[in-house]
Amino acid sequence: MLRLTGGYLKGKKIDCPPGQDIRPTSSKTRQGLFNVLFSMGVEVEGSRILELFAGTGLISFEAISRGAASAVLVDSSSSSLKVIESNASTTGIKDKVTLVKQDAEAFLSKAKMSDFDVVYLDPPYKYDGYDRVVKLLISGIRKDAIVIAESDRELFKDANDYGAELVKIKKWGKSFAHFLRRKDV
């Protein structure tokens, strides 16, 4: 059982999908992510969130609790999406959440990325597709949108190769959060 850390849903309990593959983002990291967004001048209130490899959906729940207008959560696991749907009902935000059962790369190949203000991805640490996913994201997002990629190591040192600017890297525990924006063309 996890608890939300901020906003009007602060303290609400969130169930975690079963299995060893789910690695929920820690409360310290979640709070840190939103503090960094605030310090960067990113307005969460009223924003549209995309969460890839949603797992628990915690980042979207935290964003909605802090005033985000909506969130699209993409995951290939039916069991994860079932738990996320239950949590959305329990917390009263089901109308703000859209669930998509699809592989992240397949979703990105067809999605209209300009619809999103904040994109968060936290694939399994052994995932080998960071480069492909970030290239797809950066090529489609608006210039003012932000991409947050969580991993167990520093990535994107050559963000220019992606057409991106690596704005900030933060480390909490064993997690690295990379904050990227589309680079001026």
Protein backbone atom coordinates (compact mmCIF):
# COMPACT_ATOMS: atom_id res chain seq x y z
CA MET A 1 0.00 0.00 0.00
CA LEU A 2 1.36 3.39 -1.05
CA ARG A 3 0.26 6.90 -0.09
CA LEU A 4 0.04 10.03 -2.19
CA THR A 5 2.38 12.77 -1.00
CA GLY A 6 0.83 16.05 -2.10
CA GLY A 7 -2.22 17.98 -3.23
CA TYR A 8 -5.85 17.41 -2.37
CA LEU A 9 -5.41 13.61 -2.36
CA LYS A 10 -2.42 13.72 0.00
CA GLY A 11 -2.42 10.70 2.30
CA LYS A 12 -4.81 8.64 0.13
CA LYS A 13 -3.82 5.01 -0.15
CA ILE A 14 -2.99 3.52 -3.54
CA ASP A 15 -2.79 -0.21 -4.16
CA CYS A 16 0.22 -1.60 -6.00
CA PRO A 17 -0.13 -4.15 -8.80
CA PRO A 18 1.08 -7.62 -7.84
CA GLY A 19 4.39 -9.02 -9.03
CA GLN A 20 8.09 -8.43 -8.86
CA ASP A 21 8.24 -6.34 -12.04
CA ILE A 22 6.61 -3.29 -10.43
CA ARG A 23 8.99 -0.84 -8.79
CA PRO A 24 6.90 2.02 -7.37
CA THR A 25 8.55 5.43 -7.36
CA SER A 26 9.44 6.28 -3.76
CA SER A 27 7.63 9.08 -1.93
CA LYS A 28 10.92 11.01 -1.66
CA THR A 29 11.44 10.77 -5.43
CA ARG A 30 7.82 11.74 -6.19
CA GLN A 31 8.05 14.81 -3.98
CA GLY A 32 11.42 15.65 -5.53
CA LEU A 33 10.08 15.37 -9.08
CA PHE A 34 7.31 17.87 -8.41
CA ASN A 35 9.67 20.21 -6.55
CA VAL A 36 12.00 20.23 -9.56
CA LEU A 37 9.10 20.88 -11.94
CA PHE A 38 8.04 23.80 -9.74
CA SER A 39 11.60 25.19 -9.62
CA MET A 40 11.75 24.98 -13.44
CA GLY A 41 8.54 26.99 -13.75
CA VAL A 42 6.56 24.04 -15.11
CA GLU A 43 2.89 24.58 -14.29
CA VAL A 44 1.35 21.28 -13.20
CA GLU A 45 -2.05 22.80 -12.50
CA GLY A 46 -4.21 22.44 -15.58
CA SER A 47 -1.57 20.35 -17.38
CA ARG A 48 -2.06 17.19 -19.42
CA ILE A 49 0.11 14.27 -18.33
CA LEU A 50 1.33 11.23 -20.23
CA GLU A 51 2.73 8.40 -18.13
CA LEU A 52 4.45 5.61 -20.06
CA PHE A 53 5.20 2.26 -18.40
CA ALA A 54 2.61 3.39 -15.86
CA GLY A 55 2.99 0.46 -13.44
CA THR A 56 1.26 1.93 -10.40
CA GLY A 57 0.21 5.20 -12.03
CA LEU A 58 1.57 7.07 -9.01
CA ILE A 59 3.04 9.99 -10.94
CA SER A 60 -0.26 10.67 -12.71
CA PHE A 61 -2.18 10.40 -9.43
CA GLU A 62 0.26 12.82 -7.79
CA ALA A 63 -0.06 15.24 -10.73
CA ILE A 64 -3.86 15.16 -10.67
CA SER A 65 -3.80 15.65 -6.91
CA ARG A 66 -1.70 18.76 -7.55
CA GLY A 67 -4.18 20.11 -10.12
CA ALA A 68 -3.34 18.45 -13.46
CA ALA A 69 -6.38 18.42 -15.74
CA SER A 70 -5.95 14.88 -17.03
CA ALA A 71 -3.60 11.95 -17.49
CA VAL A 72 -3.14 9.22 -20.06
CA LEU A 73 -1.50 6.13 -18.56
CA VAL A 74 0.05 3.60 -20.94
CA ASP A 75 1.10 0.11 -19.88
CA SER A 76 1.20 -3.28 -21.56
CA SER A 77 0.15 -5.09 -18.38
CA SER A 78 -3.55 -5.81 -17.90
CA SER A 79 -3.03 -6.40 -14.17
CA SER A 80 -1.35 -3.00 -13.72
CA LEU A 81 -4.12 -1.21 -15.61
CA LYS A 82 -6.79 -3.03 -13.60
CA VAL A 83 -5.24 -1.84 -10.30
CA ILE A 84 -4.79 1.70 -11.68
CA GLU A 85 -8.46 1.76 -12.72
CA SER A 86 -9.51 0.61 -9.25
CA ASN A 87 -7.32 3.27 -7.61
CA ALA A 88 -8.77 5.96 -9.90
CA SER A 89 -12.28 4.94 -8.84
CA THR A 90 -11.36 4.83 -5.16
CA THR A 91 -9.78 8.28 -5.26
CA GLY A 92 -12.58 9.80 -7.33
CA ILE A 93 -10.48 10.77 -10.34
CA LYS A 94 -11.64 8.16 -12.86
CA ASP A 95 -13.02 10.91 -15.13
CA LYS A 96 -9.55 12.50 -15.37
CA VAL A 97 -7.72 9.29 -16.29
CA THR A 98 -7.49 7.48 -19.62
CA LEU A 99 -5.94 4.01 -19.59
CA VAL A 100 -4.25 2.53 -22.66
CA LYS A 101 -3.15 -1.10 -22.83
CA GLN A 102 -0.31 -0.90 -25.30
CA ASP A 103 3.44 -1.08 -25.61
CA ALA A 104 4.95 2.41 -25.14
CA GLU A 105 6.72 2.46 -28.50
CA ALA A 106 3.57 1.37 -30.35
CA PHE A 107 1.58 4.07 -28.55
CA LEU A 108 4.13 6.76 -29.38
CA SER A 109 4.22 5.82 -33.05
CA LYS A 110 0.55 6.89 -33.34
CA ALA A 111 -0.02 9.38 -30.50
CA LYS A 112 -0.35 13.12 -30.92
CA MET A 113 2.44 14.15 -28.56
CA SER A 114 1.64 17.85 -28.79
CA ASP A 115 -1.40 17.13 -26.57
CA PHE A 116 0.80 16.66 -23.49
CA ASP A 117 2.54 19.13 -21.19
CA VAL A 118 4.46 16.65 -19.03
CA VAL A 119 5.59 13.18 -20.09
CA TYR A 120 6.92 10.73 -17.51
CA LEU A 121 8.49 7.39 -18.28
CA ASP A 122 9.84 4.85 -15.84
CA PRO A 123 10.41 1.57 -17.68
CA PRO A 124 11.95 -1.48 -16.05
CA TYR A 125 15.58 -0.70 -15.31
CA LYS A 126 16.77 -3.40 -17.73
CA TYR A 127 14.75 -1.86 -20.56
CA ASP A 128 16.89 -1.31 -23.67
CA GLY A 129 14.61 1.08 -25.55
CA TYR A 130 15.25 4.40 -23.78
CA ASP A 131 16.90 5.83 -26.90
CA ARG A 132 14.02 4.87 -29.20
CA VAL A 133 11.32 6.10 -26.81
CA VAL A 134 13.00 9.42 -26.06
CA LYS A 135 13.65 10.09 -29.75
CA LEU A 136 9.96 9.46 -30.50
CA LEU A 137 8.93 11.71 -27.61
CA ILE A 138 11.26 14.59 -28.39
CA SER A 139 10.34 14.58 -32.08
CA GLY A 140 6.65 15.02 -31.24
CA ILE A 141 6.37 17.19 -28.14
CA ARG A 142 5.86 20.93 -28.03
CA LYS A 143 8.90 23.04 -27.20
CA ASP A 144 7.51 23.98 -23.78
CA ALA A 145 6.68 20.38 -22.79
CA ILE A 146 8.93 18.47 -20.40
CA VAL A 147 9.97 14.82 -20.52
CA ILE A 148 11.03 13.10 -17.31
CA ALA A 149 12.84 9.78 -17.74
CA GLU A 150 13.61 7.74 -14.64
CA SER A 151 16.34 5.10 -14.66
CA ASP A 152 18.94 3.43 -12.46
CA ARG A 153 21.83 5.24 -14.17
CA GLU A 154 22.68 8.52 -15.86
CA LEU A 155 21.49 8.63 -19.45
CA PHE A 156 21.21 11.15 -22.26
CA LYS A 157 24.65 12.75 -21.87
CA ASP A 158 24.43 13.35 -25.61
CA ALA A 159 20.91 14.76 -25.50
CA ASN A 160 21.69 16.81 -28.62
CA ASP A 161 21.65 13.54 -30.56
CA TYR A 162 17.95 13.33 -29.69
CA GLY A 163 17.20 16.93 -30.58
CA ALA A 164 16.82 17.49 -26.84
CA GLU A 165 18.25 19.61 -24.11
CA LEU A 166 19.04 17.82 -20.86
CA VAL A 167 17.80 20.48 -18.46
CA LYS A 168 18.55 18.68 -15.21
CA ILE A 169 19.50 15.33 -13.69
CA LYS A 170 18.49 14.56 -10.11
CA LYS A 171 19.32 11.49 -8.07
CA TRP A 172 17.21 10.14 -5.24
CA GLY A 173 18.41 6.86 -3.74
CA LYS A 174 19.12 4.54 -6.66
CA SER A 175 16.95 6.49 -9.11
CA PHE A 176 18.05 9.10 -11.60
CA ALA A 177 15.48 11.50 -13.03
CA HIS A 178 16.38 13.15 -16.33
CA PHE A 179 14.47 16.30 -17.25
CA LEU A 180 14.52 16.94 -20.99
CA ARG A 181 13.04 19.50 -23.36
CA ARG A 182 12.97 19.71 -27.12
CA LYS A 183 15.92 21.74 -28.31
CA ASP A 184 15.41 24.88 -30.39
CA VAL A 185 15.69 24.04 -34.04
